[in-house]
Amino acid sequence: MSRVRKRAAQVVAGMAALYMVLFAIKGIELQVPEYTIYYVYTVQEILTISSFIIYLALFAPDIFAIGRSLHALRVSPQAAGR
């Protein structure tokens, strides 16, 4: 799972870098219509945020496993003391 998260982090970083480039060039006069630049910029923003949320969701299995093990530690001493 760690390799998947590492790759996902690289994808998120790349998308964020592309978003910053689009942010920098959105005000520059280019051969492309301004509407196209703004459209790509806003779509890229949505994709970057979504990919970051997916990256954070990749931690969920580990968080649930830690929660289950902590719950088991809390329950075991109580059962032994009864």
PDB file of N, CA and C in Angstrom:
ATOM      1  N   MET A   1       0.825  -1.191   0.000  1.00  0.00           N
ATOM      2  CA  MET A   1       0.000   0.000   0.000  1.00  0.00           C
ATOM      3  C   MET A   1       0.870   1.256   0.000  1.00  0.00           C
ATOM      4  N   SER A   2       2.028   1.139   0.597  1.00  0.00           N
ATOM      5  CA  SER A   2       2.929   2.282   0.661  1.00  0.00           C
ATOM      6  C   SER A   2       3.396   2.694  -0.740  1.00  0.00           C
ATOM      7  N   ARG A   3       3.617   1.711  -1.624  1.00  0.00           N
ATOM      8  CA  ARG A   3       4.028   2.045  -2.993  1.00  0.00           C
ATOM      9  C   ARG A   3       2.910   2.765  -3.739  1.00  0.00           C
ATOM     10  N   VAL A   4       1.679   2.349  -3.481  1.00  0.00           N
ATOM     11  CA  VAL A   4       0.532   3.002  -4.121  1.00  0.00           C
ATOM     12  C   VAL A   4       0.422   4.443  -3.644  1.00  0.00           C
ATOM     13  N   ARG A   5       0.588   4.648  -2.342  1.00  0.00           N
ATOM     14  CA  ARG A   5       0.516   6.019  -1.807  1.00  0.00           C
ATOM     15  C   ARG A   5       1.664   6.874  -2.330  1.00  0.00           C
ATOM     16  N   LYS A   6       2.833   6.272  -2.483  1.00  0.00           N
ATOM     17  CA  LYS A   6       3.971   7.027  -3.005  1.00  0.00           C
ATOM     18  C   LYS A   6       3.688   7.482  -4.437  1.00  0.00           C
ATOM     19  N   ARG A   7       3.161   6.578  -5.242  1.00  0.00           N
ATOM     20  CA  ARG A   7       2.829   6.921  -6.628  1.00  0.00           C
ATOM     21  C   ARG A   7       1.711   7.976  -6.666  1.00  0.00           C
ATOM     22  N   ALA A   8       0.727   7.812  -5.799  1.00  0.00           N
ATOM     23  CA  ALA A   8      -0.371   8.783  -5.742  1.00  0.00           C
ATOM     24  C   ALA A   8       0.149  10.159  -5.336  1.00  0.00           C
ATOM     25  N   ALA A   9       1.100  10.201  -4.414  1.00  0.00           N
ATOM     26  CA  ALA A   9       1.686  11.480  -3.996  1.00  0.00           C
ATOM     27  C   ALA A   9       2.414  12.140  -5.164  1.00  0.00           C
ATOM     28  N   GLN A  10       3.086  11.343  -5.974  1.00  0.00           N
ATOM     29  CA  GLN A  10       3.767  11.889  -7.145  1.00  0.00           C
ATOM     30  C   GLN A  10       2.764  12.451  -8.150  1.00  0.00           C
ATOM     31  N   VAL A  11       1.663  11.741  -8.332  1.00  0.00           N
ATOM     32  CA  VAL A  11       0.624  12.216  -9.253  1.00  0.00           C
ATOM     33  C   VAL A  11       0.026  13.526  -8.743  1.00  0.00           C
ATOM     34  N   VAL A  12      -0.264  13.584  -7.453  1.00  0.00           N
ATOM     35  CA  VAL A  12      -0.832  14.806  -6.870  1.00  0.00           C
ATOM     36  C   VAL A  12       0.151  15.965  -7.018  1.00  0.00           C
ATOM     37  N   ALA A  13       1.424  15.718  -6.775  1.00  0.00           N
ATOM     38  CA  ALA A  13       2.430  16.780  -6.910  1.00  0.00           C
ATOM     39  C   ALA A  13       2.530  17.259  -8.356  1.00  0.00           C
ATOM     40  N   GLY A  14       2.479  16.337  -9.294  1.00  0.00           N
ATOM     41  CA  GLY A  14       2.510  16.713 -10.708  1.00  0.00           C
ATOM     42  C   GLY A  14       1.297  17.529 -11.112  1.00  0.00           C
ATOM     43  N   MET A  15       0.134  17.110 -10.621  1.00  0.00           N
ATOM     44  CA  MET A  15      -1.085  17.855 -10.935  1.00  0.00           C
ATOM     45  C   MET A  15      -1.059  19.244 -10.304  1.00  0.00           C
ATOM     46  N   ALA A  16      -0.516  19.345  -9.107  1.00  0.00           N
ATOM     47  CA  ALA A  16      -0.404  20.650  -8.453  1.00  0.00           C
ATOM     48  C   ALA A  16       0.570  21.551  -9.214  1.00  0.00           C
ATOM     49  N   ALA A  17       1.656  20.968  -9.719  1.00  0.00           N
ATOM     50  CA  ALA A  17       2.613  21.751 -10.503  1.00  0.00           C
ATOM     51  C   ALA A  17       1.963  22.254 -11.793  1.00  0.00           C
ATOM     52  N   LEU A  18       1.198  21.389 -12.445  1.00  0.00           N
ATOM     53  CA  LEU A  18       0.490  21.803 -13.658  1.00  0.00           C
ATOM     54  C   LEU A  18      -0.520  22.902 -13.344  1.00  0.00           C
ATOM     55  N   TYR A  19      -1.187  22.779 -12.222  1.00  0.00           N
ATOM     56  CA  TYR A  19      -2.152  23.803 -11.802  1.00  0.00           C
ATOM     57  C   TYR A  19      -1.448  25.148 -11.592  1.00  0.00           C
ATOM     58  N   MET A  20      -0.270  25.126 -10.983  1.00  0.00           N
ATOM     59  CA  MET A  20       0.473  26.369 -10.760  1.00  0.00           C
ATOM     60  C   MET A  20       0.917  26.989 -12.083  1.00  0.00           C
ATOM     61  N   VAL A  21       1.315  26.146 -13.037  1.00  0.00           N
ATOM     62  CA  VAL A  21       1.699  26.661 -14.355  1.00  0.00           C
ATOM     63  C   VAL A  21       0.499  27.316 -15.030  1.00  0.00           C
ATOM     64  N   LEU A  22      -0.647  26.641 -14.973  1.00  0.00           N
ATOM     65  CA  LEU A  22      -1.853  27.220 -15.565  1.00  0.00           C
ATOM     66  C   LEU A  22      -2.241  28.522 -14.868  1.00  0.00           C
ATOM     67  N   PHE A  23      -2.056  28.577 -13.557  1.00  0.00           N
ATOM     68  CA  PHE A  23      -2.333  29.808 -12.809  1.00  0.00           C
ATOM     69  C   PHE A  23      -1.432  30.940 -13.297  1.00  0.00           C
ATOM     70  N   ALA A  24      -0.167  30.609 -13.554  1.00  0.00           N
ATOM     71  CA  ALA A  24       0.791  31.633 -13.972  1.00  0.00           C
ATOM     72  C   ALA A  24       0.508  32.137 -15.387  1.00  0.00           C
ATOM     73  N   ILE A  25       0.051  31.252 -16.279  1.00  0.00           N
ATOM     74  CA  ILE A  25      -0.122  31.671 -17.674  1.00  0.00           C
ATOM     75  C   ILE A  25      -1.535  32.137 -18.006  1.00  0.00           C
ATOM     76  N   LYS A  26      -2.452  32.055 -17.052  1.00  0.00           N
ATOM     77  CA  LYS A  26      -3.836  32.409 -17.395  1.00  0.00           C
ATOM     78  C   LYS A  26      -4.003  33.887 -17.741  1.00  0.00           C
ATOM     79  N   GLY A  27      -3.125  34.738 -17.282  1.00  0.00           N
ATOM     80  CA  GLY A  27      -3.231  36.157 -17.591  1.00  0.00           C
ATOM     81  C   GLY A  27      -2.361  36.601 -18.752  1.00  0.00           C
ATOM     82  N   ILE A  28      -1.585  35.699 -19.314  1.00  0.00           N
ATOM     83  CA  ILE A  28      -0.671  36.040 -20.409  1.00  0.00           C
ATOM     84  C   ILE A  28      -1.403  35.898 -21.744  1.00  0.00           C
ATOM     85  N   GLU A  29      -1.122  36.791 -22.662  1.00  0.00           N
ATOM     86  CA  GLU A  29      -1.702  36.703 -24.004  1.00  0.00           C
ATOM     87  C   GLU A  29      -1.043  35.549 -24.757  1.00  0.00           C
ATOM     88  N   LEU A  30      -1.850  34.585 -25.152  1.00  0.00           N
ATOM     89  CA  LEU A  30      -1.360  33.427 -25.898  1.00  0.00           C
ATOM     90  C   LEU A  30      -2.167  33.278 -27.182  1.00  0.00           C
ATOM     91  N   GLN A  31      -1.753  32.342 -28.023  1.00  0.00           N
ATOM     92  CA  GLN A  31      -2.469  32.062 -29.265  1.00  0.00           C
ATOM     93  C   GLN A  31      -3.793  31.347 -29.002  1.00  0.00           C
ATOM     94  N   VAL A  32      -3.923  30.771 -27.811  1.00  0.00           N
ATOM     95  CA  VAL A  32      -5.128  30.035 -27.434  1.00  0.00           C
ATOM     96  C   VAL A  32      -6.148  31.026 -26.876  1.00  0.00           C
ATOM     97  N   PRO A  33      -7.437  30.835 -27.183  1.00  0.00           N
ATOM     98  CA  PRO A  33      -8.453  31.740 -26.613  1.00  0.00           C
ATOM     99  C   PRO A  33      -8.434  31.718 -25.080  1.00  0.00           C
ATOM    100  N   GLU A  34      -8.724  32.870 -24.497  1.00  0.00           N
ATOM    101  CA  GLU A  34      -8.680  33.003 -23.036  1.00  0.00           C
ATOM    102  C   GLU A  34      -9.667  32.060 -22.358  1.00  0.00           C
ATOM    103  N   TYR A  35     -10.824  31.836 -22.991  1.00  0.00           N
ATOM    104  CA  TYR A  35     -11.831  30.928 -22.431  1.00  0.00           C
ATOM    105  C   TYR A  35     -11.256  29.524 -22.257  1.00  0.00           C
ATOM    106  N   THR A  36     -10.494  29.066 -23.240  1.00  0.00           N
ATOM    107  CA  THR A  36      -9.911  27.721 -23.178  1.00  0.00           C
ATOM    108  C   THR A  36      -8.949  27.602 -22.010  1.00  0.00           C
ATOM    109  N   ILE A  37      -8.113  28.607 -21.825  1.00  0.00           N
ATOM    110  CA  ILE A  37      -7.159  28.589 -20.711  1.00  0.00           C
ATOM    111  C   ILE A  37      -7.904  28.537 -19.381  1.00  0.00           C
ATOM    112  N   TYR A  38      -8.912  29.379 -19.225  1.00  0.00           N
ATOM    113  CA  TYR A  38      -9.669  29.392 -17.967  1.00  0.00           C
ATOM    114  C   TYR A  38     -10.433  28.088 -17.757  1.00  0.00           C
ATOM    115  N   TYR A  39     -10.956  27.519 -18.836  1.00  0.00           N
ATOM    116  CA  TYR A  39     -11.677  26.246 -18.726  1.00  0.00           C
ATOM    117  C   TYR A  39     -10.737  25.137 -18.255  1.00  0.00           C
ATOM    118  N   VAL A  40      -9.576  25.031 -18.891  1.00  0.00           N
ATOM    119  CA  VAL A  40      -8.594  24.012 -18.499  1.00  0.00           C
ATOM    120  C   VAL A  40      -8.122  24.266 -17.071  1.00  0.00           C
ATOM    121  N   TYR A  41      -7.939  25.529 -16.721  1.00  0.00           N
ATOM    122  CA  TYR A  41      -7.504  25.902 -15.373  1.00  0.00           C
ATOM    123  C   TYR A  41      -8.517  25.452 -14.322  1.00  0.00           C
ATOM    124  N   THR A  42      -9.801  25.698 -14.558  1.00  0.00           N
ATOM    125  CA  THR A  42     -10.811  25.315 -13.567  1.00  0.00           C
ATOM    126  C   THR A  42     -11.000  23.806 -13.502  1.00  0.00           C
ATOM    127  N   VAL A  43     -10.937  23.127 -14.635  1.00  0.00           N
ATOM    128  CA  VAL A  43     -11.034  21.661 -14.622  1.00  0.00           C
ATOM    129  C   VAL A  43      -9.829  21.066 -13.897  1.00  0.00           C
ATOM    130  N   GLN A  44      -8.653  21.637 -14.138  1.00  0.00           N
ATOM    131  CA  GLN A  44      -7.449  21.145 -13.463  1.00  0.00           C
ATOM    132  C   GLN A  44      -7.548  21.350 -11.956  1.00  0.00           C
ATOM    133  N   GLU A  45      -8.158  22.437 -11.533  1.00  0.00           N
ATOM    134  CA  GLU A  45      -8.346  22.677 -10.103  1.00  0.00           C
ATOM    135  C   GLU A  45      -9.197  21.573  -9.480  1.00  0.00           C
ATOM    136  N   ILE A  46     -10.287  21.228 -10.138  1.00  0.00           N
ATOM    137  CA  ILE A  46     -11.163  20.168  -9.638  1.00  0.00           C
ATOM    138  C   ILE A  46     -10.428  18.832  -9.600  1.00  0.00           C
ATOM    139  N   LEU A  47      -9.683  18.529 -10.649  1.00  0.00           N
ATOM    140  CA  LEU A  47      -8.945  17.260 -10.697  1.00  0.00           C
ATOM    141  C   LEU A  47      -7.853  17.196  -9.631  1.00  0.00           C
ATOM    142  N   THR A  48      -7.179  18.308  -9.400  1.00  0.00           N
ATOM    143  CA  THR A  48      -6.122  18.333  -8.384  1.00  0.00           C
ATOM    144  C   THR A  48      -6.697  18.122  -6.991  1.00  0.00           C
ATOM    145  N   ILE A  49      -7.776  18.800  -6.675  1.00  0.00           N
ATOM    146  CA  ILE A  49      -8.406  18.632  -5.364  1.00  0.00           C
ATOM    147  C   ILE A  49      -8.924  17.206  -5.203  1.00  0.00           C
ATOM    148  N   SER A  50      -9.544  16.673  -6.251  1.00  0.00           N
ATOM    149  CA  SER A  50     -10.066  15.302  -6.191  1.00  0.00           C
ATOM    150  C   SER A  50      -8.955  14.283  -6.005  1.00  0.00           C
ATOM    151  N   SER A  51      -7.849  14.468  -6.707  1.00  0.00           N
ATOM    152  CA  SER A  51      -6.743  13.520  -6.561  1.00  0.00           C
ATOM    153  C   SER A  51      -6.137  13.595  -5.160  1.00  0.00           C
ATOM    154  N   PHE A  52      -6.106  14.777  -4.566  1.00  0.00           N
ATOM    155  CA  PHE A  52      -5.596  14.898  -3.202  1.00  0.00           C
ATOM    156  C   PHE A  52      -6.525  14.205  -2.211  1.00  0.00           C
ATOM    157  N   ILE A  53      -7.830  14.323  -2.421  1.00  0.00           N
ATOM    158  CA  ILE A  53      -8.788  13.638  -1.550  1.00  0.00           C
ATOM    159  C   ILE A  53      -8.633  12.127  -1.679  1.00  0.00           C
ATOM    160  N   ILE A  54      -8.442  11.639  -2.899  1.00  0.00           N
ATOM    161  CA  ILE A  54      -8.220  10.200  -3.097  1.00  0.00           C
ATOM    162  C   ILE A  54      -6.929   9.772  -2.412  1.00  0.00           C
ATOM    163  N   TYR A  55      -5.890  10.595  -2.519  1.00  0.00           N
ATOM    164  CA  TYR A  55      -4.625  10.293  -1.840  1.00  0.00           C
ATOM    165  C   TYR A  55      -4.837  10.162  -0.334  1.00  0.00           C
ATOM    166  N   LEU A  56      -5.586  11.082   0.250  1.00  0.00           N
ATOM    167  CA  LEU A  56      -5.857  10.996   1.686  1.00  0.00           C
ATOM    168  C   LEU A  56      -6.692   9.765   2.019  1.00  0.00           C
ATOM    169  N   ALA A  57      -7.613   9.392   1.138  1.00  0.00           N
ATOM    170  CA  ALA A  57      -8.449   8.211   1.370  1.00  0.00           C
ATOM    171  C   ALA A  57      -7.630   6.924   1.349  1.00  0.00           C
ATOM    172  N   LEU A  58      -6.487   6.938   0.694  1.00  0.00           N
ATOM    173  CA  LEU A  58      -5.635   5.746   0.668  1.00  0.00           C
ATOM    174  C   LEU A  58      -5.063   5.414   2.046  1.00  0.00           C
ATOM    175  N   PHE A  59      -5.124   6.353   2.966  1.00  0.00           N
ATOM    176  CA  PHE A  59      -4.670   6.092   4.327  1.00  0.00           C
ATOM    177  C   PHE A  59      -5.742   5.423   5.181  1.00  0.00           C
ATOM    178  N   ALA A  60      -6.974   5.376   4.704  1.00  0.00           N
ATOM    179  CA  ALA A  60      -8.094   4.844   5.490  1.00  0.00           C
ATOM    180  C   ALA A  60      -7.890   3.402   5.960  1.00  0.00           C
ATOM    181  N   PRO A  61      -7.437   2.469   5.119  1.00  0.00           N
ATOM    182  CA  PRO A  61      -7.261   1.096   5.620  1.00  0.00           C
ATOM    183  C   PRO A  61      -6.298   1.012   6.805  1.00  0.00           C
ATOM    184  N   ASP A  62      -5.214   1.759   6.748  1.00  0.00           N
ATOM    185  CA  ASP A  62      -4.258   1.745   7.857  1.00  0.00           C
ATOM    186  C   ASP A  62      -4.852   2.385   9.109  1.00  0.00           C
ATOM    187  N   ILE A  63      -5.596   3.453   8.929  1.00  0.00           N
ATOM    188  CA  ILE A  63      -6.217   4.114  10.079  1.00  0.00           C
ATOM    189  C   ILE A  63      -7.229   3.190  10.740  1.00  0.00           C
ATOM    190  N   PHE A  64      -8.030   2.480   9.934  1.00  0.00           N
ATOM    191  CA  PHE A  64      -9.003   1.543  10.497  1.00  0.00           C
ATOM    192  C   PHE A  64      -8.309   0.386  11.205  1.00  0.00           C
ATOM    193  N   ALA A  65      -7.199  -0.097  10.649  1.00  0.00           N
ATOM    194  CA  ALA A  65      -6.451  -1.181  11.295  1.00  0.00           C
ATOM    195  C   ALA A  65      -5.891  -0.723  12.640  1.00  0.00           C
ATOM    196  N   ILE A  66      -5.368   0.486  12.694  1.00  0.00           N
ATOM    197  CA  ILE A  66      -4.861   1.023  13.961  1.00  0.00           C
ATOM    198  C   ILE A  66      -6.005   1.170  14.959  1.00  0.00           C
ATOM    199  N   GLY A  67      -7.139   1.655  14.492  1.00  0.00           N
ATOM    200  CA  GLY A  67      -8.300   1.795  15.371  1.00  0.00           C
ATOM    201  C   GLY A  67      -8.772   0.464  15.920  1.00  0.00           C
ATOM    202  N   ARG A  68      -8.797  -0.570  15.071  1.00  0.00           N
ATOM    203  CA  ARG A  68      -9.206  -1.898  15.540  1.00  0.00           C
ATOM    204  C   ARG A  68      -8.226  -2.443  16.569  1.00  0.00           C
ATOM    205  N   SER A  69      -6.930  -2.254  16.334  1.00  0.00           N
ATOM    206  CA  SER A  69      -5.948  -2.780  17.285  1.00  0.00           C
ATOM    207  C   SER A  69      -6.004  -2.016  18.609  1.00  0.00           C
ATOM    208  N   LEU A  70      -6.220  -0.704  18.561  1.00  0.00           N
ATOM    209  CA  LEU A  70      -6.354   0.059  19.805  1.00  0.00           C
ATOM    210  C   LEU A  70      -7.618  -0.342  20.560  1.00  0.00           C
ATOM    211  N   HIS A  71      -8.682  -0.600  19.827  1.00  0.00           N
ATOM    212  CA  HIS A  71      -9.924  -1.046  20.456  1.00  0.00           C
ATOM    213  C   HIS A  71      -9.720  -2.414  21.110  1.00  0.00           C
ATOM    214  N   ALA A  72      -8.992  -3.295  20.443  1.00  0.00           N
ATOM    215  CA  ALA A  72      -8.728  -4.622  21.009  1.00  0.00           C
ATOM    216  C   ALA A  72      -7.891  -4.510  22.280  1.00  0.00           C
ATOM    217  N   LEU A  73      -6.958  -3.574  22.318  1.00  0.00           N
ATOM    218  CA  LEU A  73      -6.140  -3.381  23.518  1.00  0.00           C
ATOM    219  C   LEU A  73      -6.977  -2.856  24.678  1.00  0.00           C
ATOM    220  N   ARG A  74      -7.937  -1.992  24.375  1.00  0.00           N
ATOM    221  CA  ARG A  74      -8.789  -1.448  25.428  1.00  0.00           C
ATOM    222  C   ARG A  74      -9.773  -2.478  25.952  1.00  0.00           C
ATOM    223  N   VAL A  75     -10.255  -3.347  25.093  1.00  0.00           N
ATOM    224  CA  VAL A  75     -11.259  -4.337  25.486  1.00  0.00           C
ATOM    225  C   VAL A  75     -10.615  -5.493  26.245  1.00  0.00           C
ATOM    226  N   SER A  76      -9.447  -5.912  25.871  1.00  0.00           N
ATOM    227  CA  SER A  76      -8.806  -7.085  26.479  1.00  0.00           C
ATOM    228  C   SER A  76      -8.562  -6.946  27.978  1.00  0.00           C
ATOM    229  N   PRO A  77      -7.988  -5.858  28.485  1.00  0.00           N
ATOM    230  CA  PRO A  77      -7.780  -5.758  29.939  1.00  0.00           C
ATOM    231  C   PRO A  77      -9.088  -5.756  30.725  1.00  0.00           C
ATOM    232  N   GLN A  78     -10.138  -5.194  30.189  1.00  0.00           N
ATOM    233  CA  GLN A  78     -11.425  -5.191  30.882  1.00  0.00           C
ATOM    234  C   GLN A  78     -11.985  -6.602  30.983  1.00  0.00           C
ATOM    235  N   ALA A  79     -11.870  -7.368  29.922  1.00  0.00           N
ATOM    236  CA  ALA A  79     -12.390  -8.736  29.932  1.00  0.00           C
ATOM    237  C   ALA A  79     -11.576  -9.605  30.885  1.00  0.00           C
ATOM    238  N   ALA A  80     -10.284  -9.361  30.980  1.00  0.00           N
ATOM    239  CA  ALA A  80      -9.435 -10.163  31.868  1.00  0.00           C
ATOM    240  C   ALA A  80      -9.698  -9.827  33.332  1.00  0.00           C
ATOM    241  N   GLY A  81     -10.089  -8.601  33.623  1.00  0.00           N
ATOM    242  CA  GLY A  81     -10.316  -8.179  35.001  1.00  0.00           C
ATOM    243  C   GLY A  81     -11.648  -8.624  35.572  1.00  0.00           C
ATOM    244  N   ARG A  82     -12.557  -9.075  34.773  1.00  0.00           N
ATOM    245  CA  ARG A  82     -13.891  -9.468  35.261  1.00  0.00           C
ATOM    246  C   ARG A  82     -13.889 -10.816  35.806  1.00  0.00           C
TER     247      ARG A  82
END
